[in-house]
N, C-alpha and C. Protein backbone atom coordinates (compact mmCIF):
# COMPACT_ATOMS: atom_id res chain seq x y z
N MET A 1 -13.22 -22.61 23.25
CA MET A 1 -12.09 -22.66 24.09
C MET A 1 -12.20 -22.32 25.38
N THR A 2 -13.35 -23.00 26.19
CA THR A 2 -13.54 -22.76 27.59
C THR A 2 -12.78 -23.27 28.57
N ASP A 3 -12.07 -24.51 28.20
CA ASP A 3 -11.15 -25.05 29.13
C ASP A 3 -9.78 -24.31 29.22
N PRO A 4 -9.42 -24.16 30.56
CA PRO A 4 -8.11 -23.34 30.73
C PRO A 4 -7.10 -23.86 30.24
N THR A 5 -7.02 -25.23 30.19
CA THR A 5 -5.80 -25.86 29.47
C THR A 5 -5.75 -25.64 28.07
N ILE A 6 -6.79 -25.62 27.41
CA ILE A 6 -6.94 -25.40 25.88
C ILE A 6 -6.36 -24.03 25.76
N TRP A 7 -6.85 -22.99 26.30
CA TRP A 7 -6.42 -21.70 26.37
C TRP A 7 -4.91 -21.73 26.50
N GLN A 8 -4.44 -22.19 27.54
CA GLN A 8 -2.82 -22.18 27.76
C GLN A 8 -1.98 -22.74 26.63
N SER A 9 -2.64 -23.95 26.23
CA SER A 9 -1.90 -24.37 25.06
C SER A 9 -1.94 -23.80 23.48
N ALA A 10 -3.26 -23.02 23.52
CA ALA A 10 -3.40 -22.05 22.47
C ALA A 10 -2.90 -20.69 22.33
N LEU A 11 -2.64 -20.29 23.82
CA LEU A 11 -2.15 -19.08 23.82
C LEU A 11 -0.92 -18.52 22.89
N PRO A 12 0.07 -19.37 22.99
CA PRO A 12 1.26 -18.99 22.02
C PRO A 12 1.05 -18.86 20.59
N MET A 13 0.09 -19.73 19.93
CA MET A 13 -0.37 -19.67 18.46
C MET A 13 -1.27 -18.23 18.52
N LEU A 14 -2.08 -18.00 19.26
CA LEU A 14 -2.89 -16.57 19.35
C LEU A 14 -2.02 -15.44 19.27
N LEU A 15 -0.90 -15.46 20.11
CA LEU A 15 -0.17 -14.54 20.30
C LEU A 15 0.69 -14.23 18.98
N ALA A 16 1.13 -15.30 18.45
CA ALA A 16 2.09 -15.49 17.11
C ALA A 16 1.17 -14.98 16.06
N ALA A 17 -0.15 -15.30 15.96
CA ALA A 17 -1.17 -14.68 14.91
C ALA A 17 -1.40 -13.14 14.96
N LEU A 18 -1.46 -12.82 16.28
CA LEU A 18 -1.70 -11.31 16.55
C LEU A 18 -0.60 -10.58 16.03
N ALA A 19 0.74 -11.09 16.44
CA ALA A 19 1.88 -10.37 15.96
C ALA A 19 2.10 -10.46 14.54
N PHE A 20 1.93 -11.57 13.94
CA PHE A 20 2.00 -11.65 12.49
C PHE A 20 1.06 -10.74 11.86
N GLY A 21 -0.26 -10.66 12.27
CA GLY A 21 -1.23 -9.87 11.62
C GLY A 21 -0.73 -8.26 11.74
N TYR A 22 -0.29 -7.97 13.05
CA TYR A 22 0.11 -6.65 13.41
C TYR A 22 1.25 -6.00 12.45
N LEU A 23 2.35 -6.93 12.31
CA LEU A 23 3.45 -6.61 11.45
C LEU A 23 3.11 -6.38 10.18
N LEU A 24 2.30 -7.20 9.69
CA LEU A 24 1.92 -7.09 8.17
C LEU A 24 0.86 -6.04 7.91
N GLY A 25 -0.07 -5.65 8.78
CA GLY A 25 -0.90 -4.54 8.72
C GLY A 25 -0.15 -3.20 9.06
N SER A 26 0.99 -3.18 9.61
CA SER A 26 1.71 -1.99 9.94
C SER A 26 2.75 -1.30 8.69
N ILE A 27 2.52 -2.36 7.61
CA ILE A 27 3.13 -1.76 6.51
C ILE A 27 2.79 -0.44 5.89
N PRO A 28 3.20 0.62 5.97
CA PRO A 28 2.35 1.93 5.56
C PRO A 28 2.42 2.10 4.00
N PHE A 29 1.61 1.33 3.32
CA PHE A 29 1.82 1.37 1.84
C PHE A 29 1.48 2.80 1.28
N GLY A 30 0.58 3.58 1.89
CA GLY A 30 0.32 4.96 1.42
C GLY A 30 1.64 5.74 1.18
N LEU A 31 2.43 5.60 2.33
CA LEU A 31 3.52 6.43 2.32
C LEU A 31 4.77 5.86 1.46
N VAL A 32 4.59 4.49 1.37
CA VAL A 32 5.73 3.91 0.71
C VAL A 32 5.50 4.21 -0.87
N VAL A 33 4.26 4.08 -1.38
CA VAL A 33 4.01 4.09 -2.73
C VAL A 33 4.16 5.70 -3.23
N THR A 34 3.66 6.77 -2.39
CA THR A 34 3.95 8.21 -2.78
C THR A 34 5.54 8.57 -2.69
N ARG A 35 6.09 7.97 -1.64
CA ARG A 35 7.60 8.27 -1.87
C ARG A 35 8.23 7.58 -2.97
N ALA A 36 7.95 6.45 -3.22
CA ALA A 36 8.49 5.77 -4.46
C ALA A 36 8.16 6.40 -5.59
N ALA A 37 7.07 7.12 -5.92
CA ALA A 37 6.51 7.88 -6.82
C ALA A 37 7.05 9.22 -6.96
N GLY A 38 7.89 9.72 -5.98
CA GLY A 38 8.66 11.06 -5.84
C GLY A 38 7.63 11.96 -5.55
N LEU A 39 6.53 11.68 -4.80
CA LEU A 39 5.62 12.67 -4.38
C LEU A 39 5.76 13.06 -2.80
N GLY A 40 6.92 12.71 -2.39
CA GLY A 40 7.15 13.20 -0.91
C GLY A 40 6.39 12.14 0.02
N ASP A 41 6.10 12.97 1.13
CA ASP A 41 5.47 12.50 2.30
C ASP A 41 4.16 12.79 2.27
N VAL A 42 3.31 11.69 2.10
CA VAL A 42 1.69 11.96 2.00
C VAL A 42 1.22 12.50 3.39
N ARG A 43 1.82 12.41 4.28
CA ARG A 43 1.39 12.87 5.66
C ARG A 43 1.42 14.45 5.84
N ARG A 44 2.08 14.97 4.93
CA ARG A 44 2.18 16.64 4.92
C ARG A 44 1.21 17.23 3.97
N ILE A 45 0.16 16.48 3.45
CA ILE A 45 -0.85 17.09 2.66
C ILE A 45 -2.16 16.51 3.13
N GLY A 46 -3.24 17.34 2.76
CA GLY A 46 -4.49 16.96 3.03
C GLY A 46 -4.83 16.81 4.65
N SER A 47 -5.37 15.69 4.96
CA SER A 47 -5.60 15.40 6.25
C SER A 47 -4.46 14.67 7.06
N GLY A 48 -3.32 14.27 6.44
CA GLY A 48 -2.07 13.97 6.89
C GLY A 48 -2.11 12.39 7.27
N ASN A 49 -3.18 11.77 6.65
CA ASN A 49 -3.38 10.40 6.85
C ASN A 49 -2.75 9.62 5.77
N ILE A 50 -2.21 8.46 6.01
CA ILE A 50 -1.42 7.64 5.29
C ILE A 50 -2.41 6.72 4.21
N GLY A 51 -3.83 6.81 4.28
CA GLY A 51 -4.63 6.00 3.43
C GLY A 51 -4.82 6.47 2.18
N ALA A 52 -5.64 5.67 1.38
CA ALA A 52 -6.04 5.85 -0.07
C ALA A 52 -6.80 7.20 -0.31
N THR A 53 -7.66 7.65 0.64
CA THR A 53 -8.34 8.83 0.44
C THR A 53 -7.28 10.08 0.36
N ASN A 54 -6.40 10.21 1.33
CA ASN A 54 -5.52 11.06 1.42
C ASN A 54 -4.43 11.02 0.27
N VAL A 55 -4.07 9.92 -0.06
CA VAL A 55 -3.36 9.61 -1.31
C VAL A 55 -3.98 10.24 -2.64
N LEU A 56 -5.35 10.16 -2.69
CA LEU A 56 -6.00 10.68 -3.78
C LEU A 56 -5.68 12.25 -3.94
N ARG A 57 -5.58 12.91 -2.65
CA ARG A 57 -5.26 14.31 -2.87
C ARG A 57 -4.15 14.72 -3.52
N THR A 58 -3.12 13.62 -3.80
CA THR A 58 -1.97 14.11 -4.35
C THR A 58 -2.33 14.22 -6.06
N GLY A 59 -3.60 13.91 -6.29
CA GLY A 59 -4.03 14.25 -7.74
C GLY A 59 -3.77 12.80 -8.55
N ASN A 60 -3.16 11.92 -7.99
CA ASN A 60 -2.73 10.59 -8.63
C ASN A 60 -3.70 9.51 -8.40
N LYS A 61 -4.70 9.29 -9.24
CA LYS A 61 -5.85 8.34 -8.93
C LYS A 61 -5.14 6.87 -8.96
N GLY A 62 -4.13 6.49 -9.87
CA GLY A 62 -3.48 5.26 -9.92
C GLY A 62 -3.02 4.80 -8.53
N LEU A 63 -2.18 5.84 -7.89
CA LEU A 63 -1.56 5.57 -6.62
C LEU A 63 -2.48 5.37 -5.57
N ALA A 64 -3.53 6.11 -5.77
CA ALA A 64 -4.54 5.92 -4.64
C ALA A 64 -5.35 4.67 -4.71
N ALA A 65 -5.45 4.14 -5.83
CA ALA A 65 -6.28 2.84 -5.99
C ALA A 65 -5.16 1.68 -5.57
N LEU A 66 -3.76 1.88 -6.00
CA LEU A 66 -2.75 0.91 -5.54
C LEU A 66 -2.59 0.92 -3.92
N THR A 67 -2.89 2.02 -3.40
CA THR A 67 -2.84 2.19 -1.92
C THR A 67 -3.91 1.28 -1.21
N LEU A 68 -5.06 1.62 -1.92
CA LEU A 68 -6.38 1.04 -1.38
C LEU A 68 -6.06 -0.49 -1.43
N LEU A 69 -5.62 -0.89 -2.54
CA LEU A 69 -5.54 -2.44 -2.95
C LEU A 69 -4.47 -2.94 -1.92
N LEU A 70 -3.36 -2.47 -1.75
CA LEU A 70 -2.26 -2.99 -0.87
C LEU A 70 -2.86 -2.93 0.66
N ASP A 71 -3.66 -1.87 1.17
CA ASP A 71 -3.91 -1.93 2.37
C ASP A 71 -5.04 -2.91 2.67
N ALA A 72 -5.91 -3.22 1.50
CA ALA A 72 -6.75 -4.28 1.90
C ALA A 72 -6.14 -5.45 1.93
N LEU A 73 -5.17 -5.77 0.75
CA LEU A 73 -4.51 -7.04 0.76
C LEU A 73 -3.85 -7.68 1.79
N LYS A 74 -3.42 -6.52 2.63
CA LYS A 74 -2.32 -7.02 3.82
C LYS A 74 -3.51 -7.65 4.85
N GLY A 75 -4.61 -7.24 5.00
CA GLY A 75 -5.79 -7.78 5.96
C GLY A 75 -6.10 -8.91 5.47
N THR A 76 -6.50 -9.13 4.13
CA THR A 76 -6.73 -10.63 3.61
C THR A 76 -5.62 -11.64 3.76
N ALA A 77 -4.43 -11.05 3.49
CA ALA A 77 -3.37 -12.13 3.68
C ALA A 77 -2.93 -12.54 5.08
N ALA A 78 -3.31 -11.52 6.12
CA ALA A 78 -3.01 -11.93 7.48
C ALA A 78 -3.99 -13.14 7.71
N VAL A 79 -5.43 -12.90 7.32
CA VAL A 79 -6.35 -13.78 7.67
C VAL A 79 -6.22 -15.00 6.93
N LEU A 80 -5.92 -15.14 5.79
CA LEU A 80 -5.75 -16.40 5.06
C LEU A 80 -4.65 -17.08 5.34
N VAL A 81 -3.40 -16.52 5.66
CA VAL A 81 -2.22 -17.20 6.19
C VAL A 81 -2.51 -18.05 7.55
N ALA A 82 -3.03 -17.01 8.60
CA ALA A 82 -3.17 -17.60 9.87
C ALA A 82 -4.32 -18.61 9.81
N GLY A 83 -5.31 -18.38 9.09
CA GLY A 83 -6.49 -19.29 8.87
C GLY A 83 -6.11 -20.75 8.51
N ARG A 84 -4.84 -20.95 7.98
CA ARG A 84 -4.51 -22.08 7.63
C ARG A 84 -4.46 -23.23 9.06
N TRP A 85 -4.13 -22.49 10.06
CA TRP A 85 -4.07 -23.11 11.32
C TRP A 85 -5.29 -23.11 12.36
N GLY A 86 -6.29 -22.64 11.78
CA GLY A 86 -7.61 -22.44 12.37
C GLY A 86 -8.29 -21.15 12.21
N PRO A 87 -9.76 -21.26 12.39
CA PRO A 87 -10.65 -20.12 12.25
C PRO A 87 -10.30 -19.03 13.53
N ASP A 88 -10.03 -19.51 14.62
CA ASP A 88 -9.74 -18.59 15.65
C ASP A 88 -8.42 -17.59 15.24
N LEU A 89 -7.39 -18.32 14.81
CA LEU A 89 -6.47 -17.56 14.46
C LEU A 89 -6.45 -16.65 13.37
N ALA A 90 -7.31 -16.90 12.71
CA ALA A 90 -7.75 -16.28 11.47
C ALA A 90 -8.14 -14.83 11.94
N ILE A 91 -9.21 -14.94 12.72
CA ILE A 91 -9.91 -13.81 13.47
C ILE A 91 -8.78 -13.15 14.07
N VAL A 92 -8.04 -13.68 15.02
CA VAL A 92 -6.90 -12.87 15.73
C VAL A 92 -5.98 -12.15 14.66
N ALA A 93 -5.55 -12.86 13.69
CA ALA A 93 -4.54 -12.25 12.89
C ALA A 93 -5.24 -10.94 12.09
N GLY A 94 -6.56 -11.17 11.84
CA GLY A 94 -7.08 -9.91 11.22
C GLY A 94 -7.34 -8.73 12.15
N PHE A 95 -7.56 -9.21 13.33
CA PHE A 95 -7.79 -8.01 14.29
C PHE A 95 -6.25 -7.47 14.49
N GLY A 96 -5.17 -8.21 14.24
CA GLY A 96 -3.83 -7.53 14.51
C GLY A 96 -3.47 -6.97 13.41
N ALA A 97 -3.91 -7.34 12.27
CA ALA A 97 -3.72 -6.44 10.91
C ALA A 97 -4.43 -5.08 10.90
N PHE A 98 -5.67 -5.14 11.41
CA PHE A 98 -6.47 -3.79 11.69
C PHE A 98 -5.67 -2.87 12.33
N LEU A 99 -5.14 -3.35 13.92
CA LEU A 99 -4.57 -2.43 14.79
C LEU A 99 -3.19 -1.97 14.10
N GLY A 100 -2.43 -2.88 13.49
CA GLY A 100 -1.33 -2.52 12.76
C GLY A 100 -1.36 -1.46 11.88
N HIS A 101 -2.33 -1.41 10.85
CA HIS A 101 -2.43 -0.33 10.25
C HIS A 101 -2.70 1.00 10.91
N LEU A 102 -3.63 0.88 12.02
CA LEU A 102 -3.86 1.90 12.71
C LEU A 102 -2.79 2.63 13.76
N PHE A 103 -2.01 1.62 14.12
CA PHE A 103 -1.03 1.97 15.03
C PHE A 103 0.52 1.21 14.69
N PRO A 104 0.99 1.97 13.63
CA PRO A 104 2.16 1.13 13.11
C PRO A 104 3.28 1.53 13.73
N VAL A 105 4.27 0.69 14.32
CA VAL A 105 5.36 0.83 15.16
C VAL A 105 6.29 1.60 14.44
N TRP A 106 6.35 1.54 13.05
CA TRP A 106 7.27 2.30 12.22
C TRP A 106 7.00 3.80 12.15
N LEU A 107 5.88 4.00 12.47
CA LEU A 107 5.46 5.64 12.12
C LEU A 107 5.01 6.10 13.69
N GLY A 108 5.62 5.83 14.60
CA GLY A 108 5.33 6.28 16.18
C GLY A 108 3.75 5.99 16.48
N PHE A 109 3.38 4.83 15.91
CA PHE A 109 1.95 4.43 16.22
C PHE A 109 0.97 5.36 15.37
N LYS A 110 1.41 6.29 14.59
CA LYS A 110 0.31 7.05 13.93
C LYS A 110 0.09 6.61 12.48
N GLY A 111 -0.90 5.87 12.29
CA GLY A 111 -1.41 5.20 11.05
C GLY A 111 -2.48 5.75 10.34
N GLY A 112 -3.22 4.85 9.62
CA GLY A 112 -4.32 5.33 8.97
C GLY A 112 -5.70 5.01 9.88
N LYS A 113 -6.96 5.07 9.06
CA LYS A 113 -8.09 5.12 9.81
C LYS A 113 -8.57 3.81 9.57
N GLY A 114 -8.00 2.83 8.81
CA GLY A 114 -8.48 1.32 8.75
C GLY A 114 -9.60 0.88 8.04
N VAL A 115 -9.99 1.73 7.23
CA VAL A 115 -11.28 1.27 6.22
C VAL A 115 -10.73 0.22 5.21
N ALA A 116 -9.64 0.46 4.51
CA ALA A 116 -9.27 -0.39 3.54
C ALA A 116 -8.82 -1.62 4.20
N THR A 117 -8.19 -1.61 5.28
CA THR A 117 -7.85 -3.06 5.90
C THR A 117 -8.86 -3.72 6.59
N TYR A 118 -10.01 -3.08 6.92
CA TYR A 118 -11.17 -3.44 7.53
C TYR A 118 -11.80 -4.26 6.44
N LEU A 119 -11.92 -3.56 5.21
CA LEU A 119 -12.42 -4.54 4.09
C LEU A 119 -11.66 -5.61 3.87
N GLY A 120 -10.17 -5.62 3.83
CA GLY A 120 -9.43 -6.75 3.27
C GLY A 120 -9.63 -7.76 4.43
N VAL A 121 -9.72 -7.49 5.68
CA VAL A 121 -9.97 -8.67 6.68
C VAL A 121 -11.10 -9.16 6.45
N LEU A 122 -12.40 -8.42 6.13
CA LEU A 122 -13.74 -8.86 5.75
C LEU A 122 -13.77 -9.95 4.67
N ILE A 123 -12.81 -9.45 3.48
CA ILE A 123 -12.95 -10.50 2.46
C ILE A 123 -12.28 -11.74 2.98
N GLY A 124 -11.23 -11.71 3.55
CA GLY A 124 -10.72 -12.99 3.96
C GLY A 124 -11.57 -13.93 4.95
N LEU A 125 -12.52 -13.20 5.78
CA LEU A 125 -13.25 -13.99 6.77
C LEU A 125 -14.79 -14.18 6.35
N ALA A 126 -15.20 -13.26 5.49
CA ALA A 126 -16.55 -13.61 5.18
C ALA A 126 -16.90 -12.77 3.91
N TRP A 127 -16.60 -13.22 2.67
CA TRP A 127 -16.60 -12.53 1.39
C TRP A 127 -18.05 -11.77 0.98
N MET A 128 -19.11 -12.48 1.66
CA MET A 128 -20.50 -11.88 1.34
C MET A 128 -20.75 -10.70 2.20
N GLY A 129 -20.24 -10.59 3.35
CA GLY A 129 -19.98 -9.45 4.24
C GLY A 129 -19.29 -8.40 3.45
N ALA A 130 -18.13 -8.57 2.94
CA ALA A 130 -17.30 -7.77 2.16
C ALA A 130 -18.15 -7.18 1.03
N LEU A 131 -18.88 -7.76 0.22
CA LEU A 131 -19.91 -7.39 -0.58
C LEU A 131 -20.93 -6.47 -0.23
N VAL A 132 -21.44 -6.77 1.00
CA VAL A 132 -22.30 -5.68 1.52
C VAL A 132 -21.75 -4.43 1.78
N PHE A 133 -20.47 -4.56 2.60
CA PHE A 133 -19.77 -3.39 2.79
C PHE A 133 -19.51 -2.56 1.62
N ALA A 134 -19.12 -3.25 0.55
CA ALA A 134 -18.72 -2.30 -0.69
C ALA A 134 -19.89 -1.81 -1.37
N VAL A 135 -21.15 -2.54 -1.34
CA VAL A 135 -22.15 -1.90 -2.08
C VAL A 135 -22.58 -0.62 -1.20
N VAL A 136 -22.76 -0.73 0.10
CA VAL A 136 -23.25 0.34 0.82
C VAL A 136 -22.04 1.40 0.79
N TRP A 137 -20.89 1.24 0.66
CA TRP A 137 -19.78 2.22 0.68
C TRP A 137 -20.03 2.91 -0.49
N LEU A 138 -20.13 2.27 -1.75
CA LEU A 138 -20.24 2.90 -3.11
C LEU A 138 -21.44 3.67 -3.10
N ALA A 139 -22.70 3.18 -2.69
CA ALA A 139 -23.96 3.81 -2.77
C ALA A 139 -23.76 5.27 -1.86
N VAL A 140 -23.27 5.28 -0.63
CA VAL A 140 -23.28 6.46 0.03
C VAL A 140 -22.15 7.46 -0.53
N ALA A 141 -21.20 6.81 -1.07
CA ALA A 141 -20.27 7.71 -1.50
C ALA A 141 -20.71 8.28 -2.80
N PHE A 142 -21.36 7.61 -3.61
CA PHE A 142 -21.87 8.20 -4.92
C PHE A 142 -22.92 9.15 -4.60
N ALA A 143 -23.68 8.98 -3.55
CA ALA A 143 -24.69 9.90 -3.39
C ALA A 143 -24.18 11.14 -2.64
N THR A 144 -23.36 11.06 -1.78
CA THR A 144 -22.81 12.27 -1.08
C THR A 144 -21.37 12.79 -1.30
N ARG A 145 -20.59 11.87 -1.90
CA ARG A 145 -19.21 12.12 -2.25
C ARG A 145 -18.25 12.29 -0.95
N TYR A 146 -18.87 11.78 0.00
CA TYR A 146 -17.95 11.75 1.48
C TYR A 146 -17.38 10.38 1.65
N SER A 147 -16.27 10.33 1.46
CA SER A 147 -15.63 8.90 1.81
C SER A 147 -15.99 8.51 3.27
N SER A 148 -15.70 9.64 4.29
CA SER A 148 -15.83 9.14 5.73
C SER A 148 -17.17 8.75 5.89
N LEU A 149 -18.27 9.50 5.48
CA LEU A 149 -19.64 9.05 5.77
C LEU A 149 -19.83 7.69 5.20
N ALA A 150 -19.37 7.42 4.08
CA ALA A 150 -19.71 6.05 3.48
C ALA A 150 -19.03 4.98 4.26
N ALA A 151 -17.93 5.38 4.73
CA ALA A 151 -17.21 4.23 5.68
C ALA A 151 -18.00 4.01 6.90
N LEU A 152 -18.49 5.04 7.48
CA LEU A 152 -19.16 4.91 8.80
C LEU A 152 -20.49 4.21 8.63
N VAL A 153 -21.20 4.55 7.56
CA VAL A 153 -22.42 3.81 7.20
C VAL A 153 -22.14 2.40 6.99
N ALA A 154 -21.12 2.03 6.25
CA ALA A 154 -20.95 0.61 6.08
C ALA A 154 -20.22 0.08 7.27
N ALA A 155 -19.85 0.59 8.00
CA ALA A 155 -19.18 0.11 9.20
C ALA A 155 -20.45 -0.25 10.52
N VAL A 156 -21.54 0.46 10.14
CA VAL A 156 -22.68 0.26 10.98
C VAL A 156 -23.41 -1.15 10.39
N ILE A 157 -23.59 -0.92 9.22
CA ILE A 157 -24.27 -2.26 8.63
C ILE A 157 -23.45 -3.56 8.62
N THR A 158 -22.34 -3.57 8.38
CA THR A 158 -21.48 -4.68 8.31
C THR A 158 -21.67 -5.67 9.38
N PRO A 159 -21.52 -5.29 10.53
CA PRO A 159 -21.56 -6.51 11.85
C PRO A 159 -23.03 -6.88 11.82
N VAL A 160 -24.10 -6.21 11.57
CA VAL A 160 -25.45 -6.51 11.38
C VAL A 160 -25.48 -7.65 10.38
N ALA A 161 -25.04 -7.24 9.09
CA ALA A 161 -25.07 -8.20 7.93
C ALA A 161 -24.43 -9.59 8.09
N LEU A 162 -23.17 -9.51 8.97
CA LEU A 162 -22.46 -10.62 9.24
C LEU A 162 -23.39 -11.49 9.99
N TYR A 163 -23.95 -10.97 11.16
CA TYR A 163 -24.91 -11.77 12.13
C TYR A 163 -26.05 -12.44 11.23
N VAL A 164 -26.56 -11.68 10.41
CA VAL A 164 -27.85 -12.24 9.65
C VAL A 164 -27.30 -13.36 8.66
N LEU A 165 -26.13 -13.16 8.25
CA LEU A 165 -25.42 -14.16 7.25
C LEU A 165 -24.81 -15.41 7.96
N ASP A 166 -25.15 -15.52 9.43
CA ASP A 166 -24.74 -16.49 10.27
C ASP A 166 -23.21 -16.69 10.34
N HIS A 167 -22.46 -15.62 10.78
CA HIS A 167 -21.13 -15.50 10.98
C HIS A 167 -20.98 -14.74 12.32
N PRO A 168 -21.29 -15.34 13.36
CA PRO A 168 -21.45 -14.64 14.76
C PRO A 168 -20.02 -14.22 15.20
N ASP A 169 -18.97 -15.10 14.98
CA ASP A 169 -17.82 -14.72 15.35
C ASP A 169 -17.16 -13.43 14.74
N ALA A 170 -17.30 -13.56 13.37
CA ALA A 170 -17.07 -12.39 12.38
C ALA A 170 -17.78 -11.12 12.89
N ALA A 171 -19.03 -11.35 13.15
CA ALA A 171 -20.00 -10.43 13.56
C ALA A 171 -19.48 -9.49 14.79
N LEU A 172 -19.07 -10.24 15.75
CA LEU A 172 -18.25 -9.77 16.97
C LEU A 172 -17.18 -9.05 16.66
N LEU A 173 -16.19 -9.68 16.02
CA LEU A 173 -14.91 -9.00 15.78
C LEU A 173 -15.30 -7.70 14.87
N PHE A 174 -16.19 -7.55 14.00
CA PHE A 174 -16.44 -6.25 13.29
C PHE A 174 -17.29 -5.49 13.97
N ALA A 175 -18.03 -5.87 15.08
CA ALA A 175 -18.65 -4.77 15.96
C ALA A 175 -17.61 -4.03 16.73
N VAL A 176 -16.55 -4.75 16.95
CA VAL A 176 -15.27 -4.19 17.70
C VAL A 176 -14.80 -3.09 16.82
N LEU A 177 -14.16 -3.65 15.55
CA LEU A 177 -13.61 -2.88 14.51
C LEU A 177 -14.42 -1.72 14.13
N SER A 178 -15.67 -1.69 14.12
CA SER A 178 -16.67 -0.70 13.82
C SER A 178 -16.60 0.37 14.85
N VAL A 179 -16.60 0.07 16.19
CA VAL A 179 -16.44 1.01 17.10
C VAL A 179 -15.15 1.66 17.06
N ILE A 180 -14.08 0.90 16.60
CA ILE A 180 -12.71 1.71 16.54
C ILE A 180 -12.74 2.67 15.19
N VAL A 181 -13.26 2.13 14.32
CA VAL A 181 -13.48 3.21 13.12
C VAL A 181 -14.08 4.32 13.26
N PHE A 182 -15.23 4.29 14.06
CA PHE A 182 -15.78 5.58 14.76
C PHE A 182 -15.00 6.40 15.48
N ALA A 183 -14.27 5.72 16.20
CA ALA A 183 -13.30 6.55 17.11
C ALA A 183 -12.29 7.14 16.42
N LYS A 184 -11.68 6.43 15.20
CA LYS A 184 -10.62 7.12 14.43
C LYS A 184 -11.32 8.21 13.54
N HIS A 185 -12.60 8.35 13.50
CA HIS A 185 -13.21 9.16 12.54
C HIS A 185 -13.90 10.44 13.39
N ARG A 186 -13.33 10.52 14.55
CA ARG A 186 -13.93 11.52 15.42
C ARG A 186 -14.08 13.02 14.68
N ALA A 187 -12.81 13.37 14.09
CA ALA A 187 -12.58 14.69 13.38
C ALA A 187 -13.49 14.70 12.28
N ASN A 188 -13.66 13.56 11.58
CA ASN A 188 -14.55 13.59 10.33
C ASN A 188 -16.05 13.78 10.66
N ILE A 189 -16.55 13.15 11.73
CA ILE A 189 -17.62 13.33 12.33
C ILE A 189 -17.98 14.71 12.69
N GLY A 190 -17.14 15.41 13.21
CA GLY A 190 -17.15 16.66 13.55
C GLY A 190 -17.34 17.56 12.39
N ARG A 191 -16.54 17.40 11.30
CA ARG A 191 -16.66 18.15 9.94
C ARG A 191 -17.90 17.89 9.30
N LEU A 192 -18.23 16.67 9.42
CA LEU A 192 -19.56 16.33 8.67
C LEU A 192 -20.72 17.01 9.19
N ILE A 193 -20.76 17.27 10.54
CA ILE A 193 -21.76 17.87 11.08
C ILE A 193 -21.77 19.41 10.94
N SER A 194 -20.46 19.95 10.93
CA SER A 194 -20.39 21.30 10.63
C SER A 194 -20.43 21.75 9.20
N GLY A 195 -20.39 20.77 8.15
CA GLY A 195 -20.39 20.96 6.83
C GLY A 195 -19.12 21.13 6.11
N THR A 196 -18.19 20.82 6.77
CA THR A 196 -16.65 21.30 6.27
C THR A 196 -15.72 20.29 6.02
N GLU A 197 -16.48 18.88 5.73
CA GLU A 197 -15.81 17.83 5.54
C GLU A 197 -15.45 17.89 4.06
N SER A 198 -14.22 17.39 3.65
CA SER A 198 -13.78 17.53 2.10
C SER A 198 -14.59 16.35 1.53
N ARG A 199 -14.93 16.48 0.28
CA ARG A 199 -15.53 15.48 -0.56
C ARG A 199 -14.47 14.83 -1.40
N ILE A 200 -14.84 13.49 -1.91
CA ILE A 200 -14.10 12.73 -2.52
C ILE A 200 -13.47 13.33 -3.83
N GLY A 201 -12.24 13.42 -4.15
CA GLY A 201 -11.58 14.09 -5.31
C GLY A 201 -11.03 15.51 -4.77
N ALA A 202 -11.49 16.10 -3.85
CA ALA A 202 -11.09 17.40 -3.35
C ALA A 202 -9.70 17.47 -2.94
N LYS A 203 -8.82 18.49 -3.28
CA LYS A 203 -7.55 18.58 -2.90
C LYS A 203 -7.62 19.50 -1.48
N GLY A 204 -6.58 19.33 -0.66
CA GLY A 204 -6.45 20.24 0.66
C GLY A 204 -7.13 19.62 1.73
């Protein structure tokens, strides 16, 4: 889309894809499922995050798994629906879904850290890249029991894997998303360095 006239004609569709992805991504499933289960506001426990790792701190593994699944699927759905009108729209919608999860308008723009939605977008755009992410995450999580460290290592490797797998557009998108993931994990990085980060399955 180097021709300015093409950009002008495509801009409404790109903005629509971004808005669609954002609204879908901003659905706070972690908060919804914990409240529906009678567990109150998940933001009042643990890290205060609405993601699956913090939902796990309620002690309900099933709800944590459901949150992970739904947060991933909203990213996948955004990509697949928008992708029916072109690959550029799929990428933009995926970016919107990721931003929506991080900054949901319904919660004062205070959302999750985006790892599950990152994976969901990846599944929709390049499933082999998603497989790489999952294998790296599982390996690091199994070895260290640090969800945050597993996510950070996988976020470093994923853009490189996408480039090697000949998905340059997706590699660029995920390089940007990975930088945002690191920014959202600043506190976790500090706790990892100090040795005070909570391990998977730990409460509080």
